[in-house]
Amino acid sequence: MIKLRLKRYGKKREASYRIVAINSLARRDGRPLEELGFYNPRTDEVRLDVPGIVKRLQQGAQPTDTVRRILEKENVFEQVSAKAVS
């Protein structure tokens, strides 16, 4: 199964995360199928590849709880449902 989850990078105590599509059995910082965004919890900066995320969600990718909250905050799920209707 494909998951949308966070991949950690950065220095100690200065972590940033990439939002990636990755096989659910792969390790946390393993090689992703696709990088779909960026999240910095210290500054709450979020950059998303919305068309790529929508495509992965329509293909059946499951977001983790943290990624789901980030996507809800950025209203990505509204675009997924809008694409499904049209």
PDB file of N, CA and C in Angstrom:
ATOM      1  N   MET A   1       0.842  -1.173   0.000  1.00  0.00           N
ATOM      2  CA  MET A   1       0.000   0.000   0.000  1.00  0.00           C
ATOM      3  C   MET A   1       0.894   1.244   0.000  1.00  0.00           C
ATOM      4  N   ILE A   2       0.444   2.251  -0.698  1.00  0.00           N
ATOM      5  CA  ILE A   2       1.164   3.523  -0.763  1.00  0.00           C
ATOM      6  C   ILE A   2       0.640   4.442   0.342  1.00  0.00           C
ATOM      7  N   LYS A   3       1.566   5.079   1.061  1.00  0.00           N
ATOM      8  CA  LYS A   3       1.216   6.011   2.124  1.00  0.00           C
ATOM      9  C   LYS A   3       1.776   7.389   1.800  1.00  0.00           C
ATOM     10  N   LEU A   4       1.070   8.415   2.227  1.00  0.00           N
ATOM     11  CA  LEU A   4       1.593   9.776   2.206  1.00  0.00           C
ATOM     12  C   LEU A   4       2.052  10.052   3.625  1.00  0.00           C
ATOM     13  N   ARG A   5       3.354  10.233   3.812  1.00  0.00           N
ATOM     14  CA  ARG A   5       3.861  10.431   5.158  1.00  0.00           C
ATOM     15  C   ARG A   5       5.040  11.392   5.162  1.00  0.00           C
ATOM     16  N   LEU A   6       5.533  11.695   6.358  1.00  0.00           N
ATOM     17  CA  LEU A   6       6.617  12.655   6.513  1.00  0.00           C
ATOM     18  C   LEU A   6       7.963  11.946   6.496  1.00  0.00           C
ATOM     19  N   LYS A   7       8.931  12.582   5.840  1.00  0.00           N
ATOM     20  CA  LYS A   7      10.311  12.108   5.800  1.00  0.00           C
ATOM     21  C   LYS A   7      11.152  13.190   6.466  1.00  0.00           C
ATOM     22  N   ARG A   8      11.849  12.838   7.535  1.00  0.00           N
ATOM     23  CA  ARG A   8      12.587  13.816   8.327  1.00  0.00           C
ATOM     24  C   ARG A   8      13.929  14.140   7.682  1.00  0.00           C
ATOM     25  N   TYR A   9      14.303  15.408   7.740  1.00  0.00           N
ATOM     26  CA  TYR A   9      15.651  15.811   7.362  1.00  0.00           C
ATOM     27  C   TYR A   9      15.995  17.093   8.107  1.00  0.00           C
ATOM     28  N   GLY A  10      17.258  17.483   8.087  1.00  0.00           N
ATOM     29  CA  GLY A  10      17.706  18.659   8.806  1.00  0.00           C
ATOM     30  C   GLY A  10      18.594  18.281   9.970  1.00  0.00           C
ATOM     31  N   LYS A  11      19.074  19.296  10.681  1.00  0.00           N
ATOM     32  CA  LYS A  11      19.976  19.070  11.807  1.00  0.00           C
ATOM     33  C   LYS A  11      19.213  18.638  13.059  1.00  0.00           C
ATOM     34  N   LYS A  12      19.973  18.207  14.056  1.00  0.00           N
ATOM     35  CA  LYS A  12      19.373  17.873  15.344  1.00  0.00           C
ATOM     36  C   LYS A  12      18.622  19.082  15.889  1.00  0.00           C
ATOM     37  N   ARG A  13      17.457  18.851  16.420  1.00  0.00           N
ATOM     38  CA  ARG A  13      16.603  19.880  17.018  1.00  0.00           C
ATOM     39  C   ARG A  13      16.179  20.963  16.030  1.00  0.00           C
ATOM     40  N   GLU A  14      16.456  20.769  14.772  1.00  0.00           N
ATOM     41  CA  GLU A  14      16.018  21.707  13.729  1.00  0.00           C
ATOM     42  C   GLU A  14      15.416  20.919  12.575  1.00  0.00           C
ATOM     43  N   ALA A  15      14.556  20.002  12.893  1.00  0.00           N
ATOM     44  CA  ALA A  15      14.006  19.098  11.889  1.00  0.00           C
ATOM     45  C   ALA A  15      13.024  19.811  10.970  1.00  0.00           C
ATOM     46  N   SER A  16      13.055  19.415   9.728  1.00  0.00           N
ATOM     47  CA  SER A  16      12.052  19.773   8.743  1.00  0.00           C
ATOM     48  C   SER A  16      11.602  18.465   8.118  1.00  0.00           C
ATOM     49  N   TYR A  17      10.517  18.492   7.410  1.00  0.00           N
ATOM     50  CA  TYR A  17       9.969  17.262   6.857  1.00  0.00           C
ATOM     51  C   TYR A  17       9.569  17.461   5.414  1.00  0.00           C
ATOM     52  N   ARG A  18       9.714  16.411   4.637  1.00  0.00           N
ATOM     53  CA  ARG A  18       9.167  16.367   3.291  1.00  0.00           C
ATOM     54  C   ARG A  18       7.954  15.455   3.316  1.00  0.00           C
ATOM     55  N   ILE A  19       6.917  15.833   2.613  1.00  0.00           N
ATOM     56  CA  ILE A  19       5.743  14.980   2.462  1.00  0.00           C
ATOM     57  C   ILE A  19       5.995  14.129   1.234  1.00  0.00           C
ATOM     58  N   VAL A  20       6.000  12.800   1.425  1.00  0.00           N
ATOM     59  CA  VAL A  20       6.369  11.893   0.352  1.00  0.00           C
ATOM     60  C   VAL A  20       5.327  10.794   0.186  1.00  0.00           C
ATOM     61  N   ALA A  21       5.278  10.257  -1.028  1.00  0.00           N
ATOM     62  CA  ALA A  21       4.520   9.043  -1.308  1.00  0.00           C
ATOM     63  C   ALA A  21       5.527   7.906  -1.254  1.00  0.00           C
ATOM     64  N   ILE A  22       5.258   6.905  -0.407  1.00  0.00           N
ATOM     65  CA  ILE A  22       6.224   5.839  -0.176  1.00  0.00           C
ATOM     66  C   ILE A  22       5.476   4.551   0.149  1.00  0.00           C
ATOM     67  N   ASN A  23       6.101   3.435  -0.144  1.00  0.00           N
ATOM     68  CA  ASN A  23       5.525   2.142   0.202  1.00  0.00           C
ATOM     69  C   ASN A  23       5.408   2.049   1.719  1.00  0.00           C
ATOM     70  N   SER A  24       4.307   1.533   2.227  1.00  0.00           N
ATOM     71  CA  SER A  24       4.072   1.523   3.673  1.00  0.00           C
ATOM     72  C   SER A  24       5.068   0.644   4.425  1.00  0.00           C
ATOM     73  N   LEU A  25       5.726  -0.291   3.757  1.00  0.00           N
ATOM     74  CA  LEU A  25       6.680  -1.169   4.422  1.00  0.00           C
ATOM     75  C   LEU A  25       8.098  -0.598   4.430  1.00  0.00           C
ATOM     76  N   ALA A  26       8.334   0.499   3.721  1.00  0.00           N
ATOM     77  CA  ALA A  26       9.666   1.094   3.654  1.00  0.00           C
ATOM     78  C   ALA A  26       9.977   1.851   4.937  1.00  0.00           C
ATOM     79  N   ARG A  27      11.260   2.024   5.232  1.00  0.00           N
ATOM     80  CA  ARG A  27      11.657   2.752   6.441  1.00  0.00           C
ATOM     81  C   ARG A  27      11.327   4.242   6.302  1.00  0.00           C
ATOM     82  N   ARG A  28      11.325   4.942   7.424  1.00  0.00           N
ATOM     83  CA  ARG A  28      10.868   6.336   7.455  1.00  0.00           C
ATOM     84  C   ARG A  28      11.634   7.226   6.491  1.00  0.00           C
ATOM     85  N   ASP A  29      12.958   7.098   6.481  1.00  0.00           N
ATOM     86  CA  ASP A  29      13.765   7.961   5.633  1.00  0.00           C
ATOM     87  C   ASP A  29      14.241   7.228   4.382  1.00  0.00           C
ATOM     88  N   GLY A  30      13.515   6.203   3.977  1.00  0.00           N
ATOM     89  CA  GLY A  30      13.881   5.448   2.778  1.00  0.00           C
ATOM     90  C   GLY A  30      13.589   6.220   1.512  1.00  0.00           C
ATOM     91  N   ARG A  31      13.875   5.590   0.391  1.00  0.00           N
ATOM     92  CA  ARG A  31      13.687   6.243  -0.900  1.00  0.00           C
ATOM     93  C   ARG A  31      12.198   6.332  -1.243  1.00  0.00           C
ATOM     94  N   PRO A  32      11.696   7.539  -1.448  1.00  0.00           N
ATOM     95  CA  PRO A  32      10.268   7.697  -1.742  1.00  0.00           C
ATOM     96  C   PRO A  32       9.970   7.452  -3.218  1.00  0.00           C
ATOM     97  N   LEU A  33       8.706   7.189  -3.500  1.00  0.00           N
ATOM     98  CA  LEU A  33       8.251   7.093  -4.881  1.00  0.00           C
ATOM     99  C   LEU A  33       8.193   8.489  -5.498  1.00  0.00           C
ATOM    100  N   GLU A  34       7.771   9.463  -4.665  1.00  0.00           N
ATOM    101  CA  GLU A  34       7.602  10.831  -5.153  1.00  0.00           C
ATOM    102  C   GLU A  34       7.598  11.793  -3.967  1.00  0.00           C
ATOM    103  N   GLU A  35       8.245  12.939  -4.106  1.00  0.00           N
ATOM    104  CA  GLU A  35       8.194  13.983  -3.085  1.00  0.00           C
ATOM    105  C   GLU A  35       7.083  14.960  -3.462  1.00  0.00           C
ATOM    106  N   LEU A  36       6.176  15.196  -2.516  1.00  0.00           N
ATOM    107  CA  LEU A  36       4.970  15.959  -2.822  1.00  0.00           C
ATOM    108  C   LEU A  36       4.838  17.266  -2.051  1.00  0.00           C
ATOM    109  N   GLY A  37       5.760  17.544  -1.160  1.00  0.00           N
ATOM    110  CA  GLY A  37       5.633  18.787  -0.418  1.00  0.00           C
ATOM    111  C   GLY A  37       6.678  18.915   0.662  1.00  0.00           C
ATOM    112  N   PHE A  38       6.538  19.965   1.447  1.00  0.00           N
ATOM    113  CA  PHE A  38       7.497  20.337   2.478  1.00  0.00           C
ATOM    114  C   PHE A  38       6.725  20.873   3.672  1.00  0.00           C
ATOM    115  N   TYR A  39       7.201  20.542   4.890  1.00  0.00           N
ATOM    116  CA  TYR A  39       6.574  21.042   6.110  1.00  0.00           C
ATOM    117  C   TYR A  39       7.656  21.374   7.128  1.00  0.00           C
ATOM    118  N   ASN A  40       7.629  22.602   7.637  1.00  0.00           N
ATOM    119  CA  ASN A  40       8.549  23.030   8.672  1.00  0.00           C
ATOM    120  C   ASN A  40       7.732  23.346   9.922  1.00  0.00           C
ATOM    121  N   PRO A  41       7.778  22.474  10.943  1.00  0.00           N
ATOM    122  CA  PRO A  41       6.944  22.691  12.130  1.00  0.00           C
ATOM    123  C   PRO A  41       7.375  23.884  12.976  1.00  0.00           C
ATOM    124  N   ARG A  42       8.613  24.330  12.839  1.00  0.00           N
ATOM    125  CA  ARG A  42       9.088  25.451  13.648  1.00  0.00           C
ATOM    126  C   ARG A  42       8.510  26.767  13.167  1.00  0.00           C
ATOM    127  N   THR A  43       8.302  26.899  11.865  1.00  0.00           N
ATOM    128  CA  THR A  43       7.747  28.136  11.309  1.00  0.00           C
ATOM    129  C   THR A  43       6.347  27.930  10.725  1.00  0.00           C
ATOM    130  N   ASP A  44       5.846  26.713  10.763  1.00  0.00           N
ATOM    131  CA  ASP A  44       4.552  26.332  10.161  1.00  0.00           C
ATOM    132  C   ASP A  44       4.507  26.629   8.666  1.00  0.00           C
ATOM    133  N   GLU A  45       5.652  26.584   8.011  1.00  0.00           N
ATOM    134  CA  GLU A  45       5.702  26.772   6.565  1.00  0.00           C
ATOM    135  C   GLU A  45       5.288  25.467   5.885  1.00  0.00           C
ATOM    136  N   VAL A  46       4.404  25.564   4.907  1.00  0.00           N
ATOM    137  CA  VAL A  46       3.936  24.403   4.162  1.00  0.00           C
ATOM    138  C   VAL A  46       3.966  24.740   2.687  1.00  0.00           C
ATOM    139  N   ARG A  47       4.595  23.875   1.893  1.00  0.00           N
ATOM    140  CA  ARG A  47       4.558  23.988   0.437  1.00  0.00           C
ATOM    141  C   ARG A  47       4.099  22.641  -0.095  1.00  0.00           C
ATOM    142  N   LEU A  48       3.076  22.636  -0.936  1.00  0.00           N
ATOM    143  CA  LEU A  48       2.501  21.382  -1.423  1.00  0.00           C
ATOM    144  C   LEU A  48       2.425  21.365  -2.941  1.00  0.00           C
ATOM    145  N   ASP A  49       2.645  20.176  -3.501  1.00  0.00           N
ATOM    146  CA  ASP A  49       2.384  19.914  -4.913  1.00  0.00           C
ATOM    147  C   ASP A  49       0.958  19.363  -4.975  1.00  0.00           C
ATOM    148  N   VAL A  50      -0.020  20.277  -4.971  1.00  0.00           N
ATOM    149  CA  VAL A  50      -1.424  19.884  -4.840  1.00  0.00           C
ATOM    150  C   VAL A  50      -1.872  18.943  -5.960  1.00  0.00           C
ATOM    151  N   PRO A  51      -1.562  19.205  -7.244  1.00  0.00           N
ATOM    152  CA  PRO A  51      -1.998  18.252  -8.274  1.00  0.00           C
ATOM    153  C   PRO A  51      -1.406  16.852  -8.062  1.00  0.00           C
ATOM    154  N   GLY A  52      -0.171  16.777  -7.626  1.00  0.00           N
ATOM    155  CA  GLY A  52       0.453  15.480  -7.363  1.00  0.00           C
ATOM    156  C   GLY A  52      -0.191  14.756  -6.197  1.00  0.00           C
ATOM    157  N   ILE A  53      -0.533  15.500  -5.143  1.00  0.00           N
ATOM    158  CA  ILE A  53      -1.186  14.900  -3.979  1.00  0.00           C
ATOM    159  C   ILE A  53      -2.578  14.418  -4.345  1.00  0.00           C
ATOM    160  N   VAL A  54      -3.319  15.222  -5.100  1.00  0.00           N
ATOM    161  CA  VAL A  54      -4.670  14.836  -5.526  1.00  0.00           C
ATOM    162  C   VAL A  54      -4.603  13.563  -6.363  1.00  0.00           C
ATOM    163  N   LYS A  55      -3.631  13.491  -7.263  1.00  0.00           N
ATOM    164  CA  LYS A  55      -3.473  12.300  -8.107  1.00  0.00           C
ATOM    165  C   LYS A  55      -3.206  11.056  -7.263  1.00  0.00           C
ATOM    166  N   ARG A  56      -2.303  11.173  -6.283  1.00  0.00           N
ATOM    167  CA  ARG A  56      -1.976  10.034  -5.420  1.00  0.00           C
ATOM    168  C   ARG A  56      -3.174   9.615  -4.571  1.00  0.00           C
ATOM    169  N   LEU A  57      -3.927  10.581  -4.042  1.00  0.00           N
ATOM    170  CA  LEU A  57      -5.095  10.248  -3.235  1.00  0.00           C
ATOM    171  C   LEU A  57      -6.161   9.547  -4.068  1.00  0.00           C
ATOM    172  N   GLN A  58      -6.338   9.973  -5.312  1.00  0.00           N
ATOM    173  CA  GLN A  58      -7.304   9.315  -6.190  1.00  0.00           C
ATOM    174  C   GLN A  58      -6.867   7.900  -6.551  1.00  0.00           C
ATOM    175  N   GLN A  59      -5.559   7.653  -6.544  1.00  0.00           N
ATOM    176  CA  GLN A  59      -5.043   6.318  -6.821  1.00  0.00           C
ATOM    177  C   GLN A  59      -5.134   5.406  -5.607  1.00  0.00           C
ATOM    178  N   GLY A  60      -5.527   5.957  -4.450  1.00  0.00           N
ATOM    179  CA  GLY A  60      -5.737   5.131  -3.266  1.00  0.00           C
ATOM    180  C   GLY A  60      -4.685   5.264  -2.186  1.00  0.00           C
ATOM    181  N   ALA A  61      -3.794   6.240  -2.274  1.00  0.00           N
ATOM    182  CA  ALA A  61      -2.782   6.435  -1.238  1.00  0.00           C
ATOM    183  C   ALA A  61      -3.458   6.877   0.055  1.00  0.00           C
ATOM    184  N   GLN A  62      -2.957   6.378   1.179  1.00  0.00           N
ATOM    185  CA  GLN A  62      -3.516   6.696   2.486  1.00  0.00           C
ATOM    186  C   GLN A  62      -2.580   7.639   3.247  1.00  0.00           C
ATOM    187  N   PRO A  63      -3.047   8.839   3.643  1.00  0.00           N
ATOM    188  CA  PRO A  63      -2.188   9.738   4.415  1.00  0.00           C
ATOM    189  C   PRO A  63      -2.125   9.309   5.875  1.00  0.00           C
ATOM    190  N   THR A  64      -0.994   9.564   6.530  1.00  0.00           N
ATOM    191  CA  THR A  64      -0.899   9.351   7.967  1.00  0.00           C
ATOM    192  C   THR A  64      -1.704  10.439   8.662  1.00  0.00           C
ATOM    193  N   ASP A  65      -1.888  10.307   9.976  1.00  0.00           N
ATOM    194  CA  ASP A  65      -2.699  11.276  10.715  1.00  0.00           C
ATOM    195  C   ASP A  65      -2.124  12.686  10.619  1.00  0.00           C
ATOM    196  N   THR A  66      -0.817  12.816  10.756  1.00  0.00           N
ATOM    197  CA  THR A  66      -0.184  14.134  10.704  1.00  0.00           C
ATOM    198  C   THR A  66      -0.328  14.754   9.324  1.00  0.00           C
ATOM    199  N   VAL A  67      -0.079  13.970   8.288  1.00  0.00           N
ATOM    200  CA  VAL A  67      -0.209  14.482   6.921  1.00  0.00           C
ATOM    201  C   VAL A  67      -1.662  14.821   6.631  1.00  0.00           C
ATOM    202  N   ARG A  68      -2.590  14.024   7.139  1.00  0.00           N
ATOM    203  CA  ARG A  68      -4.015  14.312   6.945  1.00  0.00           C
ATOM    204  C   ARG A  68      -4.373  15.673   7.528  1.00  0.00           C
ATOM    205  N   ARG A  69      -3.857  15.988   8.721  1.00  0.00           N
ATOM    206  CA  ARG A  69      -4.135  17.298   9.343  1.00  0.00           C
ATOM    207  C   ARG A  69      -3.561  18.437   8.507  1.00  0.00           C
ATOM    208  N   ILE A  70      -2.354  18.241   7.979  1.00  0.00           N
ATOM    209  CA  ILE A  70      -1.729  19.275   7.143  1.00  0.00           C
ATOM    210  C   ILE A  70      -2.569  19.496   5.888  1.00  0.00           C
ATOM    211  N   LEU A  71      -3.015  18.414   5.261  1.00  0.00           N
ATOM    212  CA  LEU A  71      -3.805  18.526   4.027  1.00  0.00           C
ATOM    213  C   LEU A  71      -5.170  19.144   4.294  1.00  0.00           C
ATOM    214  N   GLU A  72      -5.785  18.822   5.440  1.00  0.00           N
ATOM    215  CA  GLU A  72      -7.066  19.427   5.789  1.00  0.00           C
ATOM    216  C   GLU A  72      -6.911  20.926   6.004  1.00  0.00           C
ATOM    217  N   LYS A  73      -5.813  21.313   6.638  1.00  0.00           N
ATOM    218  CA  LYS A  73      -5.546  22.726   6.894  1.00  0.00           C
ATOM    219  C   LYS A  73      -5.388  23.498   5.584  1.00  0.00           C
ATOM    220  N   GLU A  74      -4.839  22.851   4.565  1.00  0.00           N
ATOM    221  CA  GLU A  74      -4.612  23.481   3.260  1.00  0.00           C
ATOM    222  C   GLU A  74      -5.762  23.224   2.278  1.00  0.00           C
ATOM    223  N   ASN A  75      -6.848  22.609   2.727  1.00  0.00           N
ATOM    224  CA  ASN A  75      -8.060  22.349   1.934  1.00  0.00           C
ATOM    225  C   ASN A  75      -7.802  21.504   0.690  1.00  0.00           C
ATOM    226  N   VAL A  76      -6.946  20.521   0.791  1.00  0.00           N
ATOM    227  CA  VAL A  76      -6.639  19.653  -0.342  1.00  0.00           C
ATOM    228  C   VAL A  76      -7.758  18.648  -0.575  1.00  0.00           C
ATOM    229  N   PHE A  77      -8.404  18.177   0.493  1.00  0.00           N
ATOM    230  CA  PHE A  77      -9.448  17.166   0.334  1.00  0.00           C
ATOM    231  C   PHE A  77     -10.659  17.709  -0.414  1.00  0.00           C
ATOM    232  N   GLU A  78     -10.904  19.023  -0.327  1.00  0.00           N
ATOM    233  CA  GLU A  78     -11.990  19.629  -1.100  1.00  0.00           C
ATOM    234  C   GLU A  78     -11.713  19.510  -2.592  1.00  0.00           C
ATOM    235  N   GLN A  79     -10.449  19.637  -2.980  1.00  0.00           N
ATOM    236  CA  GLN A  79     -10.085  19.515  -4.397  1.00  0.00           C
ATOM    237  C   GLN A  79     -10.188  18.083  -4.871  1.00  0.00           C
ATOM    238  N   VAL A  80      -9.920  17.115  -3.974  1.00  0.00           N
ATOM    239  CA  VAL A  80     -10.041  15.706  -4.351  1.00  0.00           C
ATOM    240  C   VAL A  80     -11.499  15.385  -4.626  1.00  0.00           C
ATOM    241  N   SER A  81     -12.401  15.845  -3.754  1.00  0.00           N
ATOM    242  CA  SER A  81     -13.821  15.564  -3.963  1.00  0.00           C
ATOM    243  C   SER A  81     -14.367  16.307  -5.174  1.00  0.00           C
ATOM    244  N   ALA A  82     -13.851  17.511  -5.454  1.00  0.00           N
ATOM    245  CA  ALA A  82     -14.295  18.270  -6.621  1.00  0.00           C
ATOM    246  C   ALA A  82     -13.855  17.568  -7.915  1.00  0.00           C
ATOM    247  N   LYS A  83     -12.652  17.000  -7.930  1.00  0.00           N
ATOM    248  CA  LYS A  83     -12.180  16.285  -9.116  1.00  0.00           C
ATOM    249  C   LYS A  83     -12.965  14.995  -9.322  1.00  0.00           C
ATOM    250  N   ALA A  84     -13.376  14.349  -8.226  1.00  0.00           N
ATOM    251  CA  ALA A  84     -14.118  13.099  -8.317  1.00  0.00           C
ATOM    252  C   ALA A  84     -15.509  13.338  -8.918  1.00  0.00           C
ATOM    253  N   VAL A  85     -16.106  14.504  -8.618  1.00  0.00           N
ATOM    254  CA  VAL A  85     -17.437  14.822  -9.117  1.00  0.00           C
ATOM    255  C   VAL A  85     -17.400  15.144 -10.606  1.00  0.00           C
ATOM    256  N   SER A  86     -16.385  15.884 -11.044  1.00  0.00           N
ATOM    257  CA  SER A  86     -16.338  16.312 -12.440  1.00  0.00           C
ATOM    258  C   SER A  86     -15.678  15.326 -13.339  1.00  0.00           C
TER     259      SER A  86
END
